[in-house]
Amino acid sequence: MSDTPPGIGRPDLLPWLDSWAAAPAPRRVRAVLVAAAALVLVLAAPDSWRMTPDSGILIGSAVELVDNARYWFNGHPNLLYFPGVPVLLVPVVFLFGLDFGAIQVLAAAVGAGSLVLAHRCYDPGRFGLPGLVLPLLLAVNALFLAAAFTVSSAGVLLAAVLAAFAAWRRYLRDRAAPFLALTALLAAYAPLVRYEGLCLSAAFALAYLMAQWRRAGPAAALARAVPLGLAVVAPFVLWAARNYVDYTPETFNMLNKMFFGQPSALLYAPGSVRLGWDLADWQWPLLRLAYFLDGFVDGLVGARLGDLVPPAVTIPALAVLAALGVPRWYRGAHALEVAFALLMLLFLVAWNLRPGSSLVVVPRYWVPLLPVALVLLAGGVLRLVEALRRPGPRLAGAALGLLAGAVLAANGVASLAYYLRSDADYAAGLAAMRAAAGQVRTRTAADAVVAVTDWGAMPLLLHRPTVLALNDPDHERTLRLLLRKDARALVVVDGLASLTSQTSRRMVRDHPDVFPELFRQGAPGGLFTTTVHGIDPDRLRAAVARMPTP
C-alpha cells in the first residue's frame, strides 16, 4: 500500500482508506483514543446518584442481598428486575455501603469496559474504516452515555454481549476450552441482566451448533450443542421458577405477567399513556414502533436536530444506509454476532409491535445492539460514497459523511456536557429526597405505609413499605388504592417518573384537604423538588365515598 493517499474524489481513495485503517499506525492511534475516552468516562462519573426509579430497585436489591442475603425490595421479593446488575453491585455495596459515588464509578467503568471491548471486537482488518471508528462513534452516542452514567441494565448487557463476542472469536481462533466456557458463562449471565439477554443465549447455542456441525457432523454437533444450550438457559429457567414460587400480587413483576399470566401491581394506570388520541387497534403498535425508532435517531444526533427532520425521512434513510452496510459487516462478523443481531432486531420489532394502546417506549433497549447498528450505518455511508462514480458527487458525498461524523461528535460532547453540568442538580435532588425521607420518619409511625410517585428511588431512601401513586387523570384509582393500603403520607418528587409526579401534583391540588403539605425542599416546579404531604384518613374516606361505584 502506498503511504500517500490518492486525491480526494479519486475512485481508489476508499480502498486505500480501508487498507490504511488496518495498518499499525492508525490502530495505535485508535487504541490511544479509546483509552482516553474510557478514562474520560471514569473521571466524569457523577459524584452523586443519577436517580432513576429503575436504578433505585437495582441498588436496593443489592443492599438487601448484602444485609439479609435475600433478593427483595420494598418489603417483597423483587419480581420486577433480574439479579444480574444487583449481583454486580454487591461487592461495591459490601465494601463501601450505600455509597452512591462508588456505585456511579462502577457504572462508568462498565461503560469504559464496553469501549475497550468494542476496540477488541471490531478489528479494522476485518471491518475496515467502520471498525476503526466504531469505539469513537459509540463513545459519542447519547444512548450509550446515558447507560454509562446511570446504573443501567442496558449498559451491563452491552458489556456482556461485547465480552461474549470477544471470547467467541478467541475460541474460534485458538479452539481453547476456557474461551468456550467464558462465552457460555456470559451467555448464561446475559438473560439474568435483561430478558432480551436470551437473544445472546440462543445465538450462542446456534453458533456452537454450527461450529460443531462443520467439524464433526450433524449427529455429534447436536449431541454437544443441545446439552450446552440447555445448561446456558438453565439459570434463567430457575430464576423464572423462583419468581413463580415467590409470586405476590402486591409487588411489580414482569416475568410472571409475561410467562404465567399472573397479575401485577401497576406502574401506570391502564389507558393513561395514549396522549388522548383515538386510534384504531392496529395503529397503536405501528406508532409505538415509530417512536422507538425515532429514539434511536435522537440518541444518534440529539433530540433537537432529530426534530428538525421528520421521522418519515430519517428512519427510511437510516434503514437504507444500514442495508447498504450489511455486506461489509457480514464479511467481518462471526456466527455469534450475526445470530445475536438478527434475534435482537426481531425481538425489538416484535416487542414494539405487541398488541395494546400504550405509547411507552424505552429507547435504551437499543444499547446492546448499538455496535452492530453503528458499524452498519458507517459501512452504508462508505458504500454510498463508493457507488458515486464521478469525482464531484463523490467529493460531495465524502463531505457529507464528514459532516455527519461532526454532528455525531457534537451530540456526544453536548451529552457529556449535560451530565457534567447537571451533576449539581442531581446532588441537590438527592439531598431533598433524603430530607423528605427524614421528615417522613419523624412525622409518621415506623410501620406506616407511604405513597410515592416513583417505584424505586424514593422507596430506597425511605426504608419502609411504600405504595405507588398512579397516573390516572381522575385520581379515582389512586385514591382508592391509598385508602385500601391505609397510606399516611405522600411523597412527590418532580421530574422523577414525571407521568406519575405530575398527576399526583394535580391530585393534591384537587383534594387539598386530603393532602396537607408538611414539607417542601426545592423551588416550586423545579427539577427534583420534593414535597411531603400528610394524608387525612377521614377526608380520604369521604373523598372515595363521593366517587361513583367502579
Protein backbone atom coordinates (compact mmCIF):
# COMPACT_ATOMS: atom_id res chain seq x y z
CA MET A 1 0.00 0.00 0.00
CA SER A 2 1.29 3.44 -0.90
CA ASP A 3 1.92 5.78 2.03
CA THR A 4 0.42 8.67 0.06
CA PRO A 5 -3.37 8.76 -0.21
CA PRO A 6 -4.97 9.21 -3.63
CA GLY A 7 -6.51 12.56 -4.38
CA ILE A 8 -9.90 13.41 -2.90
CA GLY A 9 -12.61 12.18 -5.25
CA ARG A 10 -10.41 9.50 -6.81
CA PRO A 11 -12.19 6.12 -7.15
CA ASP A 12 -9.34 4.33 -5.36
CA LEU A 13 -9.46 6.58 -2.27
CA LEU A 14 -11.86 4.43 -0.24
CA PRO A 15 -9.99 1.15 -0.86
CA TRP A 16 -6.84 2.97 0.21
CA LEU A 17 -8.54 4.20 3.39
CA ASP A 18 -9.80 0.69 4.19
CA SER A 19 -6.28 -0.67 3.84
CA TRP A 20 -4.86 2.26 5.80
CA ALA A 21 -7.33 1.60 8.65
CA ALA A 22 -5.81 -1.85 9.21
CA ALA A 23 -2.23 -0.52 9.28
CA PRO A 24 -0.34 -0.40 12.64
CA ALA A 25 -0.21 3.41 12.91
CA PRO A 26 -3.96 4.20 12.81
CA ARG A 27 -4.68 1.19 15.02
CA ARG A 28 -2.25 2.55 17.62
CA VAL A 29 -3.88 5.96 17.36
CA ARG A 30 -7.30 4.36 17.85
CA ALA A 31 -6.05 2.47 20.90
CA VAL A 32 -4.87 5.74 22.44
CA LEU A 33 -8.15 7.49 21.63
CA VAL A 34 -10.23 4.61 23.04
CA ALA A 35 -8.14 4.56 26.22
CA ALA A 36 -8.60 8.32 26.53
CA ALA A 37 -12.38 8.06 26.02
CA ALA A 38 -12.60 5.26 28.60
CA LEU A 39 -10.61 7.35 31.06
CA VAL A 40 -12.86 10.36 30.47
CA LEU A 41 -15.92 8.22 31.22
CA VAL A 42 -14.50 7.07 34.55
CA LEU A 43 -13.23 10.53 35.54
CA ALA A 44 -16.55 12.14 34.56
CA ALA A 45 -18.55 9.68 36.67
CA PRO A 46 -21.04 11.70 38.74
CA ASP A 47 -20.23 12.23 42.41
CA SER A 48 -23.91 11.96 43.21
CA TRP A 49 -26.51 9.39 42.30
CA ARG A 50 -28.20 9.80 38.92
CA MET A 51 -31.60 8.95 40.37
CA THR A 52 -33.94 6.79 38.33
CA PRO A 53 -36.72 4.51 39.56
CA ASP A 54 -35.05 1.50 37.94
CA SER A 55 -31.65 2.17 39.49
CA GLY A 56 -33.30 2.55 42.89
CA ILE A 57 -34.65 -1.00 42.68
CA LEU A 58 -31.34 -2.39 41.39
CA ILE A 59 -29.30 -0.71 44.13
CA GLY A 60 -31.87 -1.52 46.82
CA SER A 61 -31.85 -5.18 45.82
CA ALA A 62 -28.05 -5.24 46.11
CA VAL A 63 -28.32 -3.71 49.59
CA GLU A 64 -30.86 -6.38 50.54
CA LEU A 65 -28.52 -9.11 49.27
CA VAL A 66 -25.68 -7.75 51.40
CA ASP A 67 -27.74 -7.07 54.53
CA ASN A 68 -30.17 -10.00 54.55
CA ALA A 69 -28.94 -12.45 51.87
CA ARG A 70 -32.27 -12.32 50.00
CA TYR A 71 -33.35 -10.80 46.71
CA TRP A 72 -36.09 -8.48 47.97
CA PHE A 73 -37.05 -4.85 47.58
CA ASN A 74 -39.58 -2.66 49.38
CA GLY A 75 -40.63 -5.46 51.71
CA HIS A 76 -41.40 -8.02 48.98
CA PRO A 77 -39.46 -10.42 46.75
CA ASN A 78 -38.09 -8.49 43.77
CA LEU A 79 -40.01 -9.91 40.82
CA LEU A 80 -39.59 -6.91 38.52
CA TYR A 81 -35.88 -6.83 37.73
CA PHE A 82 -33.38 -9.58 37.16
CA PRO A 83 -30.45 -10.15 39.55
CA GLY A 84 -27.53 -9.67 37.14
CA VAL A 85 -26.93 -6.00 37.92
CA PRO A 86 -27.56 -6.22 41.70
CA VAL A 87 -25.10 -9.14 41.92
CA LEU A 88 -22.55 -6.95 40.10
CA LEU A 89 -23.19 -4.18 42.65
CA VAL A 90 -22.84 -6.45 45.70
CA PRO A 91 -19.02 -6.09 46.07
CA VAL A 92 -19.26 -2.28 45.97
CA VAL A 93 -22.13 -2.22 48.49
CA PHE A 94 -20.32 -4.70 50.72
CA LEU A 95 -17.09 -2.66 50.72
CA PHE A 96 -18.48 0.90 50.74
CA GLY A 97 -22.07 0.60 51.93
CA LEU A 98 -24.68 2.75 50.20
CA ASP A 99 -22.03 5.00 48.65
CA PHE A 100 -23.61 6.42 45.50
CA GLY A 101 -20.30 7.86 44.29
CA ALA A 102 -18.66 4.41 44.29
CA ILE A 103 -21.71 2.91 42.59
CA GLN A 104 -21.60 5.56 39.84
CA VAL A 105 -17.88 4.91 39.28
CA LEU A 106 -18.67 1.23 38.78
CA ALA A 107 -21.36 2.11 36.22
CA ALA A 108 -18.92 4.35 34.34
CA ALA A 109 -16.25 1.64 34.50
CA VAL A 110 -18.67 -0.81 32.86
CA GLY A 111 -19.19 1.74 30.06
CA ALA A 112 -15.43 2.23 29.74
CA GLY A 113 -15.02 -1.53 29.52
CA SER A 114 -17.53 -1.62 26.68
CA LEU A 115 -15.43 0.87 24.71
CA VAL A 116 -12.33 -1.27 25.19
CA LEU A 117 -14.23 -4.41 24.22
CA ALA A 118 -15.60 -2.69 21.09
CA HIS A 119 -11.99 -1.81 20.24
CA ARG A 120 -11.09 -5.51 20.58
CA CYS A 121 -14.14 -6.95 18.80
CA TYR A 122 -14.24 -4.74 15.72
CA ASP A 123 -10.79 -5.04 14.23
CA PRO A 124 -10.23 -2.72 11.22
CA GLY A 125 -8.53 -5.65 9.48
CA ARG A 126 -11.98 -7.26 9.18
CA PHE A 127 -14.35 -4.28 9.22
CA GLY A 128 -12.22 -1.57 7.60
CA LEU A 129 -12.97 2.06 8.41
CA PRO A 130 -16.24 1.30 10.28
CA GLY A 131 -14.28 -0.92 12.65
CA LEU A 132 -11.68 1.79 13.11
CA VAL A 133 -14.18 4.47 14.11
CA LEU A 134 -16.73 2.31 15.95
CA PRO A 135 -15.43 2.82 19.52
CA LEU A 136 -15.42 6.57 18.95
CA LEU A 137 -18.94 6.51 17.45
CA LEU A 138 -20.04 4.53 20.50
CA ALA A 139 -18.39 6.99 22.88
CA VAL A 140 -20.33 9.94 21.45
CA ASN A 141 -23.72 8.21 21.30
CA ALA A 142 -26.26 9.70 23.71
CA LEU A 143 -27.90 6.34 24.44
CA PHE A 144 -24.52 4.82 25.34
CA LEU A 145 -23.59 7.77 27.54
CA ALA A 146 -26.94 7.56 29.35
CA ALA A 147 -26.24 3.89 30.09
CA ALA A 148 -22.70 4.68 31.28
CA PHE A 149 -23.73 7.47 33.64
CA THR A 150 -26.64 5.67 35.30
CA VAL A 151 -26.95 2.30 36.99
CA SER A 152 -28.44 0.60 33.94
CA SER A 153 -29.11 -2.99 32.99
CA ALA A 154 -28.80 -1.96 29.32
CA GLY A 155 -25.19 -0.87 29.83
CA VAL A 156 -24.29 -4.09 31.65
CA LEU A 157 -25.93 -6.19 28.93
CA LEU A 158 -23.91 -4.33 26.27
CA ALA A 159 -20.68 -5.14 28.12
CA ALA A 160 -21.69 -8.81 28.46
CA VAL A 161 -22.53 -9.04 24.75
CA LEU A 162 -19.23 -7.50 23.64
CA ALA A 163 -17.27 -9.68 26.05
CA ALA A 164 -19.04 -12.75 24.62
CA PHE A 165 -18.16 -11.62 21.07
CA ALA A 166 -14.51 -11.24 22.02
CA ALA A 167 -14.35 -14.58 23.86
CA TRP A 168 -16.03 -16.42 20.99
CA ARG A 169 -13.57 -15.03 18.46
CA ARG A 170 -10.70 -16.25 20.62
CA TYR A 171 -12.34 -19.66 20.83
CA LEU A 172 -12.68 -19.81 17.04
CA ARG A 173 -9.04 -18.85 16.64
CA ASP A 174 -7.43 -21.00 19.35
CA ARG A 175 -10.07 -23.72 19.97
CA ALA A 176 -9.30 -23.23 23.66
CA ALA A 177 -11.86 -24.62 26.10
CA PRO A 178 -11.52 -21.69 28.58
CA PHE A 179 -12.79 -19.25 25.96
CA LEU A 180 -15.72 -21.53 25.13
CA ALA A 181 -16.52 -21.73 28.83
CA LEU A 182 -16.27 -17.94 29.17
CA THR A 183 -18.63 -17.40 26.24
CA ALA A 184 -21.10 -19.89 27.73
CA LEU A 185 -20.88 -18.17 31.12
CA LEU A 186 -21.61 -14.76 29.56
CA ALA A 187 -24.48 -16.24 27.53
CA ALA A 188 -25.95 -17.62 30.77
CA TYR A 189 -25.42 -14.32 32.61
CA ALA A 190 -27.00 -12.10 29.93
CA PRO A 191 -30.67 -13.12 30.47
CA LEU A 192 -30.18 -12.57 34.21
CA VAL A 193 -29.44 -8.92 33.35
CA ARG A 194 -32.36 -8.33 30.99
CA TYR A 195 -34.74 -10.86 29.48
CA GLU A 196 -33.61 -9.90 25.95
CA GLY A 197 -30.29 -11.39 27.00
CA LEU A 198 -31.97 -14.63 25.92
CA CYS A 199 -31.07 -13.49 22.41
CA LEU A 200 -27.40 -13.97 23.32
CA SER A 201 -28.13 -17.37 24.88
CA ALA A 202 -29.93 -18.56 21.75
CA ALA A 203 -27.26 -17.06 19.47
CA PHE A 204 -24.53 -18.88 21.40
CA ALA A 205 -26.34 -22.22 21.07
CA LEU A 206 -26.78 -21.68 17.32
CA ALA A 207 -23.16 -20.56 16.80
CA TYR A 208 -21.80 -23.53 18.76
CA LEU A 209 -24.06 -25.91 16.83
CA MET A 210 -22.82 -24.52 13.51
CA ALA A 211 -19.18 -24.72 14.59
CA GLN A 212 -19.53 -28.34 15.70
CA TRP A 213 -21.58 -29.23 12.62
CA ARG A 214 -18.72 -28.19 10.37
CA ARG A 215 -16.15 -30.05 12.44
CA ALA A 216 -17.90 -33.26 13.50
CA GLY A 217 -21.11 -33.61 11.50
CA PRO A 218 -24.77 -33.21 12.48
CA ALA A 219 -25.12 -36.07 14.98
CA ALA A 220 -22.09 -35.10 17.06
CA ALA A 221 -22.98 -31.42 16.79
CA LEU A 222 -26.45 -31.97 18.22
CA ALA A 223 -25.11 -34.23 20.95
CA ARG A 224 -22.72 -31.49 22.07
CA ALA A 225 -24.75 -28.33 21.41
CA VAL A 226 -28.10 -29.34 22.92
CA PRO A 227 -26.79 -30.10 26.45
CA LEU A 228 -24.63 -26.97 26.44
CA GLY A 229 -27.53 -24.83 25.21
CA LEU A 230 -29.80 -26.21 27.94
CA ALA A 231 -27.12 -25.54 30.56
CA VAL A 232 -26.83 -21.93 29.36
CA VAL A 233 -30.55 -21.21 29.75
CA ALA A 234 -30.90 -23.21 32.99
CA PRO A 235 -30.15 -20.21 35.28
CA PHE A 236 -32.88 -18.19 33.59
CA VAL A 237 -35.35 -21.08 33.87
CA LEU A 238 -34.53 -21.46 37.56
CA TRP A 239 -35.00 -17.72 38.00
CA ALA A 240 -38.41 -17.87 36.34
CA ALA A 241 -39.37 -20.79 38.60
CA ARG A 242 -38.26 -18.78 41.65
CA ASN A 243 -40.45 -15.89 40.56
CA TYR A 244 -43.42 -18.21 40.13
CA VAL A 245 -42.95 -19.67 43.61
CA ASP A 246 -42.40 -16.28 45.29
CA TYR A 247 -45.18 -14.53 43.40
CA THR A 248 -47.25 -11.95 45.23
CA PRO A 249 -49.72 -9.56 43.59
CA GLU A 250 -48.60 -6.81 45.97
CA THR A 251 -45.44 -6.06 44.02
CA PHE A 252 -44.47 -5.26 40.45
CA ASN A 253 -43.49 -8.09 38.17
CA MET A 254 -42.64 -8.50 34.54
CA LEU A 255 -41.69 -12.12 34.04
CA ASN A 256 -44.69 -13.52 35.89
CA LYS A 257 -47.13 -11.48 33.85
CA MET A 258 -45.43 -12.36 30.54
CA PHE A 259 -44.86 -16.06 31.14
CA PHE A 260 -47.51 -17.10 33.65
CA GLY A 261 -50.27 -14.52 33.19
CA GLN A 262 -50.19 -13.60 36.88
CA PRO A 263 -51.47 -10.06 37.61
CA SER A 264 -49.01 -7.40 38.73
CA ALA A 265 -49.15 -4.24 40.75
CA LEU A 266 -49.45 -1.32 38.34
CA LEU A 267 -46.71 1.08 37.28
CA TYR A 268 -49.14 3.17 35.23
CA ALA A 269 -52.91 3.42 35.23
CA PRO A 270 -54.47 1.42 32.37
CA GLY A 271 -55.07 3.53 29.27
CA SER A 272 -53.26 6.55 30.73
CA VAL A 273 -50.45 6.85 28.16
CA ARG A 274 -52.46 7.29 24.97
CA LEU A 275 -51.88 11.07 24.76
CA GLY A 276 -55.63 11.47 24.36
CA TRP A 277 -55.53 10.03 20.84
CA ASP A 278 -58.28 7.91 19.34
CA LEU A 279 -56.64 5.40 17.02
CA ALA A 280 -57.56 2.00 15.63
CA ASP A 281 -56.12 -1.00 17.44
CA TRP A 282 -53.68 -1.76 14.61
CA GLN A 283 -52.32 1.81 14.60
CA TRP A 284 -51.02 1.81 18.19
CA PRO A 285 -48.24 -0.78 17.63
CA LEU A 286 -47.07 0.97 14.46
CA LEU A 287 -46.95 4.33 16.23
CA ARG A 288 -45.07 2.77 19.15
CA LEU A 289 -42.51 1.26 16.76
CA ALA A 290 -42.08 4.64 15.02
CA TYR A 291 -41.44 6.31 18.39
CA PHE A 292 -38.93 3.61 19.28
CA LEU A 293 -37.04 4.04 16.00
CA ASP A 294 -37.11 7.79 16.49
CA GLY A 295 -35.49 7.24 19.91
CA PHE A 296 -32.52 5.69 18.10
CA VAL A 297 -32.28 8.77 15.87
CA ASP A 298 -32.33 11.08 18.90
CA GLY A 299 -29.53 9.05 20.51
CA LEU A 300 -27.54 9.36 17.32
CA VAL A 301 -27.85 13.08 16.53
CA GLY A 302 -29.65 14.58 19.53
CA ALA A 303 -33.33 15.32 20.09
CA ARG A 304 -33.17 18.92 18.81
CA LEU A 305 -31.55 18.06 15.50
CA GLY A 306 -33.65 14.92 15.22
CA ASP A 307 -36.80 17.03 15.48
CA LEU A 308 -35.72 19.20 12.52
CA VAL A 309 -36.17 16.33 10.07
CA PRO A 310 -39.38 14.29 10.32
CA PRO A 311 -39.07 10.60 11.25
CA ALA A 312 -40.71 9.75 7.92
CA VAL A 313 -37.44 10.88 6.31
CA THR A 314 -34.76 9.92 8.86
CA ILE A 315 -35.98 6.39 9.63
CA PRO A 316 -36.14 5.17 5.99
CA ALA A 317 -32.83 6.90 5.22
CA LEU A 318 -31.08 5.15 8.12
CA ALA A 319 -32.69 1.85 7.12
CA VAL A 320 -31.26 2.21 3.59
CA LEU A 321 -27.80 3.05 4.94
CA ALA A 322 -27.90 0.07 7.29
CA ALA A 323 -28.93 -2.22 4.42
CA LEU A 324 -26.03 -0.92 2.32
CA GLY A 325 -23.65 -1.67 5.19
CA VAL A 326 -24.78 -5.29 5.64
CA PRO A 327 -22.28 -6.92 3.22
CA ARG A 328 -19.23 -5.26 4.81
CA TRP A 329 -20.43 -6.09 8.35
CA TYR A 330 -21.34 -9.67 7.44
CA ARG A 331 -17.88 -10.34 5.98
CA GLY A 332 -16.24 -9.35 9.25
CA ALA A 333 -18.74 -10.74 11.76
CA HIS A 334 -18.75 -14.27 13.21
CA ALA A 335 -21.81 -16.50 13.60
CA LEU A 336 -22.44 -15.48 17.21
CA GLU A 337 -22.65 -11.80 16.30
CA VAL A 338 -24.83 -12.41 13.25
CA ALA A 339 -27.26 -14.63 15.16
CA PHE A 340 -27.44 -12.20 18.09
CA ALA A 341 -28.06 -9.19 15.83
CA LEU A 342 -30.86 -10.93 13.95
CA LEU A 343 -32.53 -12.26 17.10
CA MET A 344 -32.19 -8.94 18.91
CA LEU A 345 -33.61 -6.98 15.99
CA LEU A 346 -36.51 -9.42 15.74
CA PHE A 347 -37.15 -9.04 19.47
CA LEU A 348 -37.12 -5.22 19.33
CA VAL A 349 -39.55 -5.13 16.43
CA ALA A 350 -41.86 -7.75 17.96
CA TRP A 351 -41.78 -6.07 21.38
CA ASN A 352 -42.85 -2.71 20.00
CA LEU A 353 -45.47 -4.27 17.70
CA ARG A 354 -47.13 -6.15 20.55
CA PRO A 355 -50.87 -5.52 20.95
CA GLY A 356 -52.00 -2.72 23.24
CA SER A 357 -52.55 1.03 23.23
CA SER A 358 -49.65 2.07 25.46
CA LEU A 359 -47.20 4.52 23.91
CA VAL A 360 -44.46 3.91 26.49
CA VAL A 361 -41.22 3.23 24.58
CA VAL A 362 -37.78 2.51 26.00
CA PRO A 363 -35.02 3.71 23.61
CA ARG A 364 -32.29 2.25 25.85
CA TYR A 365 -33.31 -1.18 24.54
CA TRP A 366 -31.16 -0.20 21.55
CA VAL A 367 -27.97 -0.12 23.64
CA PRO A 368 -26.91 -3.81 23.33
CA LEU A 369 -27.35 -3.54 19.54
CA LEU A 370 -25.53 -0.21 19.15
CA PRO A 371 -22.15 -1.61 17.96
CA VAL A 372 -23.78 -3.57 15.15
CA ALA A 373 -26.08 -0.68 14.21
CA LEU A 374 -23.22 1.84 14.10
CA VAL A 375 -20.99 -0.45 12.01
CA LEU A 376 -23.88 -0.98 9.57
CA LEU A 377 -24.53 2.76 9.24
CA ALA A 378 -20.84 3.62 8.82
CA GLY A 379 -20.46 0.87 6.24
CA GLY A 380 -23.56 2.12 4.45
CA VAL A 381 -22.16 5.64 4.21
CA LEU A 382 -18.92 4.29 2.72
CA ARG A 383 -20.79 2.08 0.29
CA LEU A 384 -22.93 5.01 -0.83
CA VAL A 385 -19.90 7.24 -1.43
CA GLU A 386 -18.14 4.38 -3.16
CA ALA A 387 -21.07 3.98 -5.56
CA LEU A 388 -20.68 7.55 -6.77
CA ARG A 389 -18.54 7.37 -9.90
CA ARG A 390 -17.87 11.00 -10.76
CA PRO A 391 -15.31 12.97 -8.70
CA GLY A 392 -17.71 15.83 -7.94
CA PRO A 393 -20.54 13.77 -6.43
CA ARG A 394 -18.02 11.55 -4.66
CA LEU A 395 -16.38 14.60 -3.11
CA ALA A 396 -19.81 15.91 -2.02
CA GLY A 397 -20.67 12.51 -0.54
CA ALA A 398 -17.41 12.37 1.37
CA ALA A 399 -18.01 15.89 2.69
CA LEU A 400 -21.50 14.91 3.85
CA GLY A 401 -20.02 11.85 5.56
CA LEU A 402 -17.53 14.03 7.40
CA LEU A 403 -20.33 16.44 8.33
CA ALA A 404 -22.37 13.54 9.72
CA GLY A 405 -19.37 12.48 11.80
CA ALA A 406 -19.02 16.01 13.12
CA VAL A 407 -22.74 16.07 14.05
CA LEU A 408 -22.40 12.80 15.94
CA ALA A 409 -19.32 14.09 17.77
CA ALA A 410 -21.09 17.35 18.64
CA ASN A 411 -24.05 15.39 20.01
CA GLY A 412 -21.68 13.34 22.16
CA VAL A 413 -19.93 16.43 23.51
CA ALA A 414 -23.29 18.06 24.26
CA SER A 415 -24.48 14.92 26.06
CA LEU A 416 -21.29 14.72 28.12
CA ALA A 417 -21.56 18.42 28.95
CA TYR A 418 -25.14 17.85 30.12
CA TYR A 419 -24.07 15.12 32.52
CA LEU A 420 -21.27 17.24 33.92
CA ARG A 421 -23.47 20.33 34.17
CA SER A 422 -26.42 18.56 35.78
CA ASP A 423 -24.39 16.83 38.50
CA ALA A 424 -25.18 19.67 40.92
CA ASP A 425 -28.92 19.34 40.17
CA TYR A 426 -28.84 15.64 40.97
CA ALA A 427 -26.87 16.26 44.16
CA ALA A 428 -29.44 18.84 45.27
CA GLY A 429 -32.26 16.49 44.34
CA LEU A 430 -30.74 13.65 46.34
CA ALA A 431 -30.36 15.98 49.34
CA ALA A 432 -34.03 17.00 49.02
CA MET A 433 -35.18 13.38 48.80
CA ARG A 434 -33.09 12.41 51.83
CA ALA A 435 -34.51 15.34 53.77
CA ALA A 436 -38.02 14.26 52.80
CA ALA A 437 -37.27 10.72 53.96
CA GLY A 438 -36.17 12.16 57.31
CA GLN A 439 -39.39 14.13 57.59
CA VAL A 440 -41.44 11.01 56.88
CA ARG A 441 -39.61 9.09 59.59
CA THR A 442 -40.22 11.93 62.05
CA ARG A 443 -43.89 12.54 61.25
CA THR A 444 -45.26 9.01 60.72
CA ALA A 445 -45.20 5.74 62.61
CA ALA A 446 -42.42 3.30 61.77
CA ASP A 447 -44.83 0.83 60.15
CA ALA A 448 -46.92 3.43 58.30
CA VAL A 449 -47.34 2.93 54.57
CA VAL A 450 -46.08 5.84 52.45
CA ALA A 451 -47.30 6.66 48.94
CA VAL A 452 -44.61 7.67 46.43
CA THR A 453 -44.55 8.84 42.83
CA ASP A 454 -41.68 6.64 41.63
CA TRP A 455 -41.23 2.93 42.08
CA GLY A 456 -37.55 2.76 43.07
CA ALA A 457 -35.58 5.85 44.09
CA MET A 458 -37.74 7.18 46.91
CA PRO A 459 -38.57 3.69 48.29
CA LEU A 460 -34.82 3.02 48.52
CA LEU A 461 -34.31 6.12 50.65
CA LEU A 462 -37.41 5.65 52.81
CA HIS A 463 -36.59 2.12 54.05
CA ARG A 464 -40.24 1.37 54.76
CA PRO A 465 -43.30 -0.05 52.97
CA THR A 466 -44.44 2.12 50.09
CA VAL A 467 -47.25 2.12 47.56
CA LEU A 468 -47.01 3.72 44.13
CA ALA A 469 -49.43 6.51 43.27
CA LEU A 470 -50.75 6.03 39.74
CA ASN A 471 -51.15 8.47 36.87
CA ASP A 472 -54.91 8.11 36.40
CA PRO A 473 -56.26 11.50 35.29
CA ASP A 474 -59.36 11.40 37.52
CA HIS A 475 -57.32 10.09 40.52
CA GLU A 476 -60.06 7.64 41.47
CA ARG A 477 -57.92 4.51 41.20
CA THR A 478 -55.11 6.15 43.18
CA LEU A 479 -57.37 7.43 45.96
CA ARG A 480 -58.96 4.00 46.37
CA LEU A 481 -55.52 2.42 46.45
CA LEU A 482 -54.30 4.82 49.17
CA LEU A 483 -57.40 4.11 51.23
CA ARG A 484 -57.06 0.35 50.84
CA LYS A 485 -53.37 0.45 51.84
CA ASP A 486 -54.05 2.91 54.70
CA ALA A 487 -51.27 5.20 53.44
CA ARG A 488 -50.41 8.03 55.84
CA ALA A 489 -48.09 10.21 53.72
CA LEU A 490 -47.48 11.06 50.07
CA VAL A 491 -44.01 12.00 48.75
CA VAL A 492 -43.93 13.73 45.36
CA VAL A 493 -40.61 14.17 43.53
CA ASP A 494 -40.89 16.45 40.49
CA GLY A 495 -39.09 15.27 37.36
CA LEU A 496 -38.69 11.69 38.54
CA ALA A 497 -41.24 9.37 36.88
CA SER A 498 -42.86 12.54 35.59
CA LEU A 499 -46.03 10.85 34.31
CA THR A 500 -46.89 9.98 37.90
CA SER A 501 -45.47 13.01 39.70
CA GLN A 502 -47.38 15.48 37.51
CA THR A 503 -50.64 13.59 38.04
CA SER A 504 -50.03 13.47 41.79
CA ARG A 505 -49.49 17.25 41.83
CA ARG A 506 -52.90 17.69 40.22
CA MET A 507 -54.43 15.22 42.69
CA VAL A 508 -53.09 17.29 45.59
CA ARG A 509 -54.49 20.49 44.06
CA ASP A 510 -57.87 18.82 43.52
CA HIS A 511 -58.00 17.45 47.09
CA PRO A 512 -56.07 19.91 49.30
CA ASP A 513 -57.99 18.86 52.42
CA VAL A 514 -56.89 15.24 51.97
CA PHE A 515 -53.21 16.03 51.35
CA PRO A 516 -51.96 18.86 53.61
CA GLU A 517 -48.40 19.90 52.78
CA LEU A 518 -45.91 19.07 55.54
CA PHE A 519 -42.52 19.70 53.93
CA ARG A 520 -41.03 21.01 50.70
CA GLN A 521 -37.43 21.34 49.55
CA GLY A 522 -36.62 22.92 46.21
CA ALA A 523 -38.21 25.62 44.07
CA PRO A 524 -41.87 25.02 43.13
CA GLY A 525 -41.89 23.14 39.83
CA GLY A 526 -38.10 22.76 39.86
CA LEU A 527 -36.22 19.60 38.98
CA PHE A 528 -36.36 17.10 41.85
CA THR A 529 -38.34 19.44 44.09
CA THR A 530 -39.57 17.07 46.81
CA THR A 531 -42.76 17.56 48.81
CA VAL A 532 -44.17 15.55 51.70
CA HIS A 533 -47.93 15.61 52.14
CA GLY A 534 -49.85 14.12 55.01
CA ILE A 535 -52.92 12.01 54.26
CA ASP A 536 -56.03 12.66 56.35
CA PRO A 537 -57.70 9.22 56.55
CA ASP A 538 -61.18 10.54 57.32
CA ARG A 539 -61.20 13.03 54.46
CA LEU A 540 -59.68 10.43 52.13
CA ARG A 541 -62.50 8.05 53.06
CA ALA A 542 -65.04 10.80 52.42
CA ALA A 543 -63.49 11.62 49.04
CA VAL A 544 -63.65 7.98 47.99
CA ALA A 545 -67.25 7.71 49.19
CA ARG A 546 -68.23 10.56 46.86
CA MET A 547 -66.85 8.70 43.84
CA PRO A 548 -69.11 6.71 41.52
CA THR A 549 -69.12 2.98 42.07
CA PRO A 550 -66.34 1.41 39.93
